N, C-alpha and C. Protein backbone atom coordinates (compact mmCIF):
# COMPACT_ATOMS: atom_id res chain seq x y z
N MET A 1 80.58 66.59 -11.30
CA MET A 1 80.85 65.23 -10.91
C MET A 1 81.70 65.24 -9.64
N ILE A 2 81.56 64.20 -8.84
CA ILE A 2 82.26 64.18 -7.55
C ILE A 2 83.77 64.04 -7.67
N PHE A 3 84.25 63.57 -8.82
CA PHE A 3 85.69 63.35 -8.98
C PHE A 3 86.42 64.57 -9.53
N THR A 4 85.74 65.66 -9.83
CA THR A 4 86.37 66.80 -10.48
C THR A 4 87.40 67.47 -9.59
N ASN A 5 87.19 67.54 -8.32
CA ASN A 5 88.14 68.18 -7.42
C ASN A 5 89.30 67.28 -7.04
N MET A 6 89.26 66.02 -7.45
CA MET A 6 90.29 65.06 -7.07
C MET A 6 91.39 64.98 -8.12
N ASN A 7 91.24 65.71 -9.23
CA ASN A 7 92.25 65.76 -10.27
C ASN A 7 92.52 64.37 -10.87
N LEU A 8 91.47 63.62 -11.16
CA LEU A 8 91.59 62.29 -11.74
C LEU A 8 91.26 62.33 -13.22
N ARG A 9 91.93 61.50 -14.00
CA ARG A 9 91.64 61.37 -15.42
C ARG A 9 90.43 60.49 -15.63
N SER A 10 89.86 60.58 -16.77
CA SER A 10 88.68 59.80 -17.14
C SER A 10 88.93 58.29 -16.99
N SER A 11 90.09 57.83 -17.42
CA SER A 11 90.40 56.39 -17.34
C SER A 11 90.51 55.94 -15.89
N GLN A 12 91.04 56.79 -15.02
CA GLN A 12 91.14 56.45 -13.60
C GLN A 12 89.75 56.37 -12.96
N ILE A 13 88.88 57.27 -13.38
CA ILE A 13 87.51 57.27 -12.84
C ILE A 13 86.80 55.98 -13.25
N LYS A 14 86.99 55.56 -14.49
CA LYS A 14 86.36 54.31 -14.97
C LYS A 14 86.85 53.12 -14.17
N VAL A 15 88.13 53.08 -13.87
CA VAL A 15 88.70 51.97 -13.08
C VAL A 15 88.09 51.96 -11.68
N ILE A 16 87.99 53.12 -11.07
CA ILE A 16 87.42 53.22 -9.71
C ILE A 16 85.96 52.76 -9.72
N ILE A 17 85.20 53.23 -10.68
CA ILE A 17 83.78 52.82 -10.77
C ILE A 17 83.68 51.32 -11.01
N GLY A 18 84.53 50.80 -11.89
CA GLY A 18 84.53 49.36 -12.16
C GLY A 18 84.83 48.56 -10.91
N LEU A 19 85.80 49.01 -10.14
CA LEU A 19 86.16 48.31 -8.91
C LEU A 19 85.04 48.37 -7.87
N LEU A 20 84.27 49.41 -7.89
CA LEU A 20 83.14 49.52 -6.97
C LEU A 20 81.95 48.66 -7.40
N ILE A 21 81.74 48.56 -8.70
CA ILE A 21 80.59 47.82 -9.23
C ILE A 21 80.86 46.31 -9.31
N LEU A 22 82.09 45.90 -9.59
CA LEU A 22 82.42 44.49 -9.78
C LEU A 22 81.98 43.59 -8.61
N PRO A 23 82.26 43.96 -7.36
CA PRO A 23 81.82 43.08 -6.27
C PRO A 23 80.30 42.89 -6.22
N MET A 24 79.58 43.94 -6.57
CA MET A 24 78.11 43.83 -6.57
C MET A 24 77.65 42.86 -7.65
N ILE A 25 78.23 42.95 -8.84
CA ILE A 25 77.83 42.07 -9.94
C ILE A 25 78.18 40.63 -9.62
N THR A 26 79.40 40.37 -9.16
CA THR A 26 79.79 38.99 -8.86
C THR A 26 78.98 38.45 -7.69
N GLY A 27 78.59 39.30 -6.78
CA GLY A 27 77.75 38.85 -5.66
C GLY A 27 76.40 38.37 -6.16
N PHE A 28 75.81 39.08 -7.11
CA PHE A 28 74.52 38.66 -7.65
C PHE A 28 74.63 37.38 -8.46
N VAL A 29 75.71 37.25 -9.22
CA VAL A 29 75.88 36.09 -10.08
C VAL A 29 76.22 34.85 -9.26
N SER A 30 77.07 34.97 -8.25
CA SER A 30 77.54 33.79 -7.52
C SER A 30 76.60 33.34 -6.42
N CYS A 31 75.67 34.16 -5.99
CA CYS A 31 74.74 33.75 -4.95
C CYS A 31 73.67 32.87 -5.55
N LYS A 32 73.81 31.59 -5.35
CA LYS A 32 72.83 30.65 -5.86
C LYS A 32 71.85 30.35 -4.73
N ALA A 33 70.61 30.55 -5.00
CA ALA A 33 69.61 30.29 -3.97
C ALA A 33 69.52 28.80 -3.72
N GLN A 34 69.42 28.45 -2.47
CA GLN A 34 69.27 27.04 -2.12
C GLN A 34 67.85 26.59 -2.47
N VAL A 35 67.77 25.34 -2.90
CA VAL A 35 66.49 24.75 -3.24
C VAL A 35 65.83 24.29 -1.94
N GLU A 36 64.62 24.74 -1.71
CA GLU A 36 63.89 24.34 -0.51
C GLU A 36 63.36 22.92 -0.69
N PRO A 37 63.39 22.11 0.38
CA PRO A 37 62.88 20.74 0.27
C PRO A 37 61.37 20.72 0.05
N THR A 38 60.91 19.67 -0.63
CA THR A 38 59.47 19.46 -0.81
C THR A 38 59.11 18.09 -0.26
N VAL A 39 57.88 17.95 0.16
CA VAL A 39 57.41 16.69 0.77
C VAL A 39 56.39 16.05 -0.16
N SER A 40 56.46 14.72 -0.27
CA SER A 40 55.50 13.99 -1.10
C SER A 40 54.09 14.13 -0.50
N LYS A 41 53.08 13.91 -1.33
CA LYS A 41 51.69 14.06 -0.89
C LYS A 41 51.36 13.17 0.30
N ASP A 42 51.92 11.95 0.32
CA ASP A 42 51.61 11.04 1.42
C ASP A 42 52.54 11.23 2.63
N GLY A 43 53.51 12.16 2.52
CA GLY A 43 54.38 12.49 3.64
C GLY A 43 55.48 11.49 3.91
N THR A 44 55.70 10.53 3.01
CA THR A 44 56.70 9.49 3.25
C THR A 44 58.07 9.83 2.69
N GLN A 45 58.16 10.89 1.86
CA GLN A 45 59.42 11.26 1.25
C GLN A 45 59.59 12.77 1.26
N THR A 46 60.82 13.21 1.57
CA THR A 46 61.17 14.62 1.47
C THR A 46 62.29 14.73 0.45
N PHE A 47 62.12 15.63 -0.51
CA PHE A 47 63.05 15.78 -1.62
C PHE A 47 63.95 16.99 -1.39
N TYR A 48 65.27 16.76 -1.52
CA TYR A 48 66.27 17.81 -1.38
C TYR A 48 67.02 17.92 -2.70
N GLY A 49 67.31 19.14 -3.13
CA GLY A 49 68.00 19.33 -4.40
C GLY A 49 67.04 19.06 -5.54
N GLU A 50 67.58 18.51 -6.64
CA GLU A 50 66.72 18.18 -7.78
C GLU A 50 65.77 17.06 -7.38
N LYS A 51 64.54 17.14 -7.86
CA LYS A 51 63.57 16.10 -7.53
C LYS A 51 63.90 14.85 -8.33
N ILE A 52 64.11 13.76 -7.62
CA ILE A 52 64.46 12.49 -8.24
C ILE A 52 63.41 11.46 -7.89
N ASP A 53 63.49 10.28 -8.52
CA ASP A 53 62.59 9.19 -8.16
C ASP A 53 63.43 8.02 -7.66
N ASP A 54 62.76 6.95 -7.28
CA ASP A 54 63.48 5.80 -6.72
C ASP A 54 63.74 4.69 -7.74
N GLU A 55 63.45 4.94 -9.01
CA GLU A 55 63.67 3.92 -10.04
C GLU A 55 65.16 3.78 -10.35
N GLY A 56 65.59 2.54 -10.53
CA GLY A 56 66.97 2.27 -10.93
C GLY A 56 68.00 2.43 -9.84
N THR A 57 67.58 2.35 -8.58
CA THR A 57 68.55 2.51 -7.49
C THR A 57 69.41 1.25 -7.33
N GLU A 58 70.61 1.47 -6.85
CA GLU A 58 71.53 0.39 -6.54
C GLU A 58 71.91 0.50 -5.07
N THR A 59 72.34 -0.61 -4.50
CA THR A 59 72.85 -0.53 -3.13
C THR A 59 74.27 0.03 -3.19
N LEU A 60 74.72 0.57 -2.11
CA LEU A 60 76.08 1.08 -2.01
C LEU A 60 77.07 -0.06 -2.26
N ASP A 61 76.76 -1.25 -1.75
CA ASP A 61 77.64 -2.40 -1.95
C ASP A 61 77.80 -2.73 -3.44
N GLU A 62 76.73 -2.62 -4.22
CA GLU A 62 76.81 -2.87 -5.66
C GLU A 62 77.71 -1.83 -6.34
N VAL A 63 77.59 -0.59 -5.92
CA VAL A 63 78.39 0.48 -6.51
C VAL A 63 79.87 0.31 -6.15
N ILE A 64 80.15 -0.11 -4.94
CA ILE A 64 81.54 -0.34 -4.52
C ILE A 64 82.20 -1.37 -5.43
N ILE A 65 81.49 -2.43 -5.75
CA ILE A 65 82.03 -3.46 -6.64
C ILE A 65 82.31 -2.86 -8.02
N LYS A 66 81.39 -2.06 -8.54
CA LYS A 66 81.58 -1.43 -9.86
C LYS A 66 82.75 -0.45 -9.88
N LEU A 67 83.00 0.23 -8.74
CA LEU A 67 84.08 1.22 -8.69
C LEU A 67 85.47 0.57 -8.75
N LYS A 68 85.54 -0.73 -8.59
CA LYS A 68 86.83 -1.41 -8.72
C LYS A 68 87.30 -1.43 -10.17
N ASP A 69 86.34 -1.28 -11.10
CA ASP A 69 86.66 -1.33 -12.54
C ASP A 69 86.60 0.02 -13.24
N THR A 70 86.20 1.07 -12.56
CA THR A 70 86.06 2.38 -13.18
C THR A 70 86.35 3.48 -12.16
N GLU A 71 86.65 4.68 -12.64
CA GLU A 71 86.98 5.79 -11.74
C GLU A 71 85.77 6.43 -11.09
N GLU A 72 84.65 6.50 -11.83
CA GLU A 72 83.45 7.13 -11.28
C GLU A 72 82.22 6.54 -11.95
N ILE A 73 81.09 6.66 -11.23
CA ILE A 73 79.83 6.10 -11.72
C ILE A 73 78.71 7.10 -11.44
N GLU A 74 77.91 7.39 -12.46
CA GLU A 74 76.68 8.15 -12.27
C GLU A 74 75.61 7.14 -11.88
N THR A 75 74.95 7.33 -10.74
CA THR A 75 74.03 6.32 -10.23
C THR A 75 73.06 6.89 -9.21
N LYS A 76 72.17 6.04 -8.76
CA LYS A 76 71.31 6.32 -7.60
C LYS A 76 71.62 5.25 -6.57
N ILE A 77 71.86 5.67 -5.35
CA ILE A 77 72.26 4.77 -4.27
C ILE A 77 71.26 4.87 -3.12
N THR A 78 71.03 3.74 -2.47
CA THR A 78 70.24 3.72 -1.24
C THR A 78 71.17 3.44 -0.07
N GLY A 79 70.82 3.93 1.09
CA GLY A 79 71.62 3.67 2.29
C GLY A 79 71.03 4.37 3.49
N THR A 80 71.73 4.28 4.61
CA THR A 80 71.29 4.87 5.87
C THR A 80 72.26 5.97 6.28
N VAL A 81 71.74 7.12 6.66
CA VAL A 81 72.58 8.24 7.10
C VAL A 81 73.16 7.88 8.47
N THR A 82 74.51 7.92 8.56
CA THR A 82 75.15 7.63 9.85
C THR A 82 75.68 8.87 10.54
N SER A 83 75.97 9.93 9.76
CA SER A 83 76.39 11.20 10.36
C SER A 83 76.10 12.31 9.38
N VAL A 84 75.98 13.52 9.93
CA VAL A 84 75.68 14.69 9.11
C VAL A 84 76.40 15.89 9.72
N CYS A 85 76.80 16.84 8.90
CA CYS A 85 77.43 18.06 9.39
C CYS A 85 76.51 18.72 10.41
N LYS A 86 77.03 18.94 11.61
CA LYS A 86 76.22 19.50 12.69
C LYS A 86 76.09 21.02 12.60
N LYS A 87 76.83 21.63 11.68
CA LYS A 87 76.76 23.09 11.54
C LYS A 87 75.65 23.53 10.62
N LYS A 88 75.54 22.88 9.43
CA LYS A 88 74.47 23.28 8.52
C LYS A 88 73.96 22.17 7.62
N GLY A 89 74.43 20.94 7.81
CA GLY A 89 73.94 19.83 6.98
C GLY A 89 74.53 19.80 5.60
N CYS A 90 75.75 20.33 5.44
CA CYS A 90 76.36 20.44 4.11
C CYS A 90 77.05 19.17 3.63
N TRP A 91 77.11 18.13 4.45
CA TRP A 91 77.61 16.82 4.05
C TRP A 91 76.98 15.76 4.95
N MET A 92 77.05 14.52 4.50
CA MET A 92 76.58 13.41 5.34
C MET A 92 77.38 12.16 4.98
N THR A 93 77.35 11.19 5.87
CA THR A 93 77.95 9.89 5.61
C THR A 93 76.80 8.89 5.56
N VAL A 94 76.83 8.03 4.54
CA VAL A 94 75.78 7.04 4.34
C VAL A 94 76.41 5.66 4.40
N GLU A 95 75.71 4.73 5.06
CA GLU A 95 76.22 3.39 5.27
C GLU A 95 75.37 2.37 4.51
N SER A 96 76.05 1.33 4.01
CA SER A 96 75.36 0.23 3.32
C SER A 96 74.90 -0.80 4.35
N GLU A 97 74.20 -1.81 3.86
CA GLU A 97 73.74 -2.89 4.74
C GLU A 97 74.91 -3.68 5.33
N THR A 98 76.06 -3.70 4.64
CA THR A 98 77.22 -4.45 5.13
C THR A 98 78.19 -3.58 5.92
N GLY A 99 77.85 -2.30 6.15
CA GLY A 99 78.69 -1.43 6.96
C GLY A 99 79.67 -0.56 6.20
N GLU A 100 79.69 -0.66 4.87
CA GLU A 100 80.54 0.22 4.07
C GLU A 100 79.97 1.64 4.12
N GLU A 101 80.87 2.64 4.12
CA GLU A 101 80.40 4.03 4.19
C GLU A 101 80.86 4.82 2.97
N ILE A 102 80.07 5.85 2.65
CA ILE A 102 80.41 6.77 1.58
C ILE A 102 80.15 8.18 2.09
N PHE A 103 81.08 9.10 1.78
CA PHE A 103 80.98 10.48 2.20
C PHE A 103 80.26 11.26 1.11
N VAL A 104 79.20 11.98 1.47
CA VAL A 104 78.33 12.63 0.49
C VAL A 104 78.36 14.15 0.67
N LYS A 105 78.59 14.85 -0.46
CA LYS A 105 78.45 16.31 -0.51
C LYS A 105 77.35 16.62 -1.52
N PHE A 106 76.93 17.88 -1.54
CA PHE A 106 75.81 18.28 -2.38
C PHE A 106 76.26 19.28 -3.43
N LYS A 107 75.91 18.99 -4.67
CA LYS A 107 76.36 19.74 -5.83
C LYS A 107 76.13 21.25 -5.66
N ASP A 108 77.20 22.02 -5.84
CA ASP A 108 77.16 23.49 -5.78
C ASP A 108 76.58 24.02 -4.47
N TYR A 109 76.63 23.23 -3.40
CA TYR A 109 76.02 23.63 -2.12
C TYR A 109 74.57 24.09 -2.35
N GLY A 110 73.91 23.46 -3.31
CA GLY A 110 72.55 23.85 -3.69
C GLY A 110 71.48 23.46 -2.69
N PHE A 111 71.82 22.55 -1.78
CA PHE A 111 70.87 22.14 -0.75
C PHE A 111 71.65 21.52 0.41
N PHE A 112 71.02 21.49 1.57
CA PHE A 112 71.61 20.86 2.74
C PHE A 112 70.59 19.89 3.33
N MET A 113 71.09 18.95 4.10
CA MET A 113 70.23 17.96 4.75
C MET A 113 69.90 18.44 6.17
N PRO A 114 68.78 17.94 6.72
CA PRO A 114 68.46 18.31 8.11
C PRO A 114 69.52 17.77 9.07
N LEU A 115 69.81 18.52 10.10
CA LEU A 115 70.85 18.14 11.05
C LEU A 115 70.50 16.89 11.85
N GLU A 116 69.23 16.56 11.90
CA GLU A 116 68.77 15.43 12.71
C GLU A 116 68.34 14.22 11.89
N CYS A 117 68.95 13.99 10.74
CA CYS A 117 68.52 12.89 9.86
C CYS A 117 69.30 11.59 10.05
N GLU A 118 70.18 11.54 11.02
CA GLU A 118 70.94 10.31 11.26
C GLU A 118 69.98 9.15 11.53
N GLY A 119 70.30 8.00 10.95
CA GLY A 119 69.48 6.80 11.13
C GLY A 119 68.39 6.65 10.09
N GLN A 120 68.16 7.67 9.28
CA GLN A 120 67.12 7.60 8.27
C GLN A 120 67.66 7.07 6.95
N GLU A 121 66.77 6.44 6.19
CA GLU A 121 67.11 5.91 4.88
C GLU A 121 67.06 7.03 3.84
N VAL A 122 67.97 6.97 2.88
CA VAL A 122 67.99 7.94 1.79
C VAL A 122 68.16 7.23 0.46
N ILE A 123 67.69 7.90 -0.57
CA ILE A 123 67.99 7.55 -1.96
C ILE A 123 68.63 8.79 -2.53
N MET A 124 69.78 8.63 -3.15
CA MET A 124 70.48 9.81 -3.67
C MET A 124 71.00 9.54 -5.06
N ARG A 125 70.96 10.59 -5.88
CA ARG A 125 71.44 10.50 -7.25
C ARG A 125 72.68 11.37 -7.38
N GLY A 126 73.65 10.86 -8.15
CA GLY A 126 74.86 11.65 -8.38
C GLY A 126 76.00 10.81 -8.87
N LYS A 127 77.21 11.25 -8.53
CA LYS A 127 78.43 10.63 -9.01
C LYS A 127 79.20 10.02 -7.85
N ALA A 128 79.48 8.71 -7.94
CA ALA A 128 80.29 8.01 -6.94
C ALA A 128 81.72 7.90 -7.45
N PHE A 129 82.70 8.08 -6.57
CA PHE A 129 84.10 8.01 -6.94
C PHE A 129 84.94 7.80 -5.69
N THR A 130 86.22 7.49 -5.88
CA THR A 130 87.16 7.36 -4.76
C THR A 130 88.12 8.54 -4.83
N GLU A 131 88.43 9.12 -3.65
CA GLU A 131 89.31 10.29 -3.61
C GLU A 131 90.08 10.30 -2.30
N VAL A 132 91.29 10.83 -2.33
CA VAL A 132 92.09 10.98 -1.12
C VAL A 132 91.64 12.27 -0.41
N THR A 133 91.36 12.14 0.88
CA THR A 133 90.95 13.29 1.69
C THR A 133 92.14 13.68 2.58
N SER A 134 92.52 14.95 2.51
CA SER A 134 93.69 15.44 3.25
C SER A 134 93.42 15.46 4.76
N VAL A 135 94.50 15.53 5.53
CA VAL A 135 94.41 15.61 7.00
C VAL A 135 93.62 16.85 7.41
N ASP A 136 93.91 18.00 6.78
CA ASP A 136 93.20 19.24 7.12
C ASP A 136 91.70 19.11 6.89
N GLU A 137 91.33 18.52 5.76
CA GLU A 137 89.92 18.35 5.45
C GLU A 137 89.26 17.37 6.42
N LEU A 138 89.96 16.28 6.75
CA LEU A 138 89.42 15.31 7.71
C LEU A 138 89.19 15.96 9.08
N LYS A 139 90.13 16.80 9.49
CA LYS A 139 89.98 17.50 10.77
C LYS A 139 88.80 18.47 10.72
N HIS A 140 88.64 19.14 9.58
CA HIS A 140 87.52 20.06 9.42
C HIS A 140 86.18 19.31 9.55
N TYR A 141 86.07 18.16 8.89
CA TYR A 141 84.84 17.37 8.96
C TYR A 141 84.61 16.84 10.37
N ALA A 142 85.67 16.44 11.05
CA ALA A 142 85.53 15.96 12.43
C ALA A 142 85.01 17.07 13.33
N GLU A 143 85.50 18.28 13.09
CA GLU A 143 85.02 19.44 13.85
C GLU A 143 83.55 19.71 13.55
N ASP A 144 83.18 19.66 12.26
CA ASP A 144 81.78 19.84 11.85
C ASP A 144 80.87 18.81 12.50
N GLU A 145 81.41 17.61 12.69
CA GLU A 145 80.62 16.52 13.25
C GLU A 145 80.48 16.63 14.76
N GLY A 146 81.23 17.55 15.36
CA GLY A 146 81.13 17.76 16.80
C GLY A 146 82.05 16.87 17.61
N LYS A 147 83.09 16.33 16.98
CA LYS A 147 84.03 15.46 17.70
C LYS A 147 84.89 16.31 18.63
N SER A 148 85.42 15.65 19.67
CA SER A 148 86.26 16.34 20.66
C SER A 148 87.61 16.72 20.06
N GLN A 149 88.28 17.67 20.69
CA GLN A 149 89.59 18.09 20.21
C GLN A 149 90.57 16.92 20.27
N GLU A 150 90.43 16.07 21.26
CA GLU A 150 91.30 14.89 21.38
C GLU A 150 91.13 13.97 20.17
N GLU A 151 89.88 13.76 19.74
CA GLU A 151 89.62 12.93 18.56
C GLU A 151 90.17 13.60 17.30
N ILE A 152 90.02 14.89 17.20
CA ILE A 152 90.51 15.63 16.03
C ILE A 152 92.04 15.56 15.97
N ASP A 153 92.70 15.69 17.11
CA ASP A 153 94.17 15.66 17.15
C ASP A 153 94.72 14.29 16.77
N GLN A 154 93.93 13.25 16.85
CA GLN A 154 94.38 11.90 16.49
C GLN A 154 94.41 11.68 14.97
N ILE A 155 93.85 12.60 14.21
CA ILE A 155 93.87 12.47 12.75
C ILE A 155 95.23 12.91 12.25
N LYS A 156 96.00 11.96 11.72
CA LYS A 156 97.38 12.24 11.33
C LYS A 156 97.69 11.88 9.87
N GLU A 157 96.83 11.09 9.22
CA GLU A 157 97.10 10.61 7.87
C GLU A 157 95.92 10.89 6.95
N PRO A 158 96.20 11.24 5.69
CA PRO A 158 95.10 11.35 4.72
C PRO A 158 94.53 9.95 4.45
N ILE A 159 93.30 9.89 4.00
CA ILE A 159 92.71 8.58 3.69
C ILE A 159 92.08 8.61 2.29
N SER A 160 92.07 7.46 1.65
CA SER A 160 91.36 7.28 0.40
C SER A 160 89.97 6.79 0.77
N GLU A 161 88.96 7.49 0.31
CA GLU A 161 87.61 7.10 0.71
C GLU A 161 86.63 7.23 -0.44
N LEU A 162 85.53 6.52 -0.28
CA LEU A 162 84.44 6.61 -1.24
C LEU A 162 83.73 7.93 -1.03
N LYS A 163 83.43 8.61 -2.14
CA LYS A 163 82.72 9.89 -2.06
C LYS A 163 81.59 9.89 -3.07
N PHE A 164 80.65 10.79 -2.82
CA PHE A 164 79.48 10.89 -3.68
C PHE A 164 79.11 12.36 -3.78
N MET A 165 78.98 12.87 -5.01
CA MET A 165 78.51 14.24 -5.24
C MET A 165 77.07 14.12 -5.70
N SER A 166 76.16 14.52 -4.83
CA SER A 166 74.74 14.33 -5.08
C SER A 166 74.07 15.59 -5.60
N ASP A 167 73.18 15.41 -6.59
CA ASP A 167 72.38 16.54 -7.06
C ASP A 167 70.94 16.44 -6.57
N GLY A 168 70.58 15.32 -5.95
CA GLY A 168 69.23 15.15 -5.42
C GLY A 168 69.17 14.01 -4.42
N VAL A 169 68.41 14.22 -3.35
CA VAL A 169 68.27 13.21 -2.30
C VAL A 169 66.80 13.09 -1.93
N ILE A 170 66.37 11.85 -1.72
CA ILE A 170 65.06 11.59 -1.12
C ILE A 170 65.33 11.08 0.29
N LEU A 171 64.81 11.79 1.28
CA LEU A 171 64.89 11.34 2.67
C LEU A 171 63.59 10.64 2.98
N LEU A 172 63.68 9.36 3.30
CA LEU A 172 62.48 8.58 3.57
C LEU A 172 62.04 8.80 5.01
N ALA A 173 60.74 8.83 5.22
CA ALA A 173 60.20 9.05 6.56
C ALA A 173 60.65 7.93 7.47
N GLU A 174 60.86 8.27 8.74
CA GLU A 174 61.26 7.25 9.71
C GLU A 174 60.16 6.20 9.83
N LYS A 175 60.59 4.95 9.91
CA LYS A 175 59.63 3.86 10.02
C LYS A 175 59.12 3.76 11.45
N GLU A 176 57.81 3.54 11.56
CA GLU A 176 57.20 3.35 12.88
C GLU A 176 57.60 1.97 13.39
N GLU A 177 57.98 1.88 14.66
CA GLU A 177 58.36 0.58 15.21
C GLU A 177 57.24 -0.03 16.00
């Protein structure tokens, strides 16, 4: 055995082998493959994450009213994408018809949105809630969004904002004008 000349005890050898094998095992377990998007037969919808349907959707404005009486809501929301992470599409901001916005992340980083989906309509399923976002996190998102250093430096206070953890999104095809 390779450890015989190193004057190691059996228990020490087991610890060394365990330390060498552990990163490989955790790497295999923690690497979750991203779900590839699928397109509907007629090409009008692209599905990200879990495949969902459009039944039972609510507007973001309806959900905002409900969140005044509860901490979180499992729902499907419709809205328009106003911004998306410019690095890999790992978050987006969605706006209601009245201009209210909600910050959206994707469950377990299981899927990302296309970087060029701003202005498109979405239907998303998941959990809506209100949460305080720290200054560091706000600066990180501003950087992801491609904002200037001057804009990033102006972020000085945490904010309470609407958030959504989505397990599935339907990106609707852009409407022909």
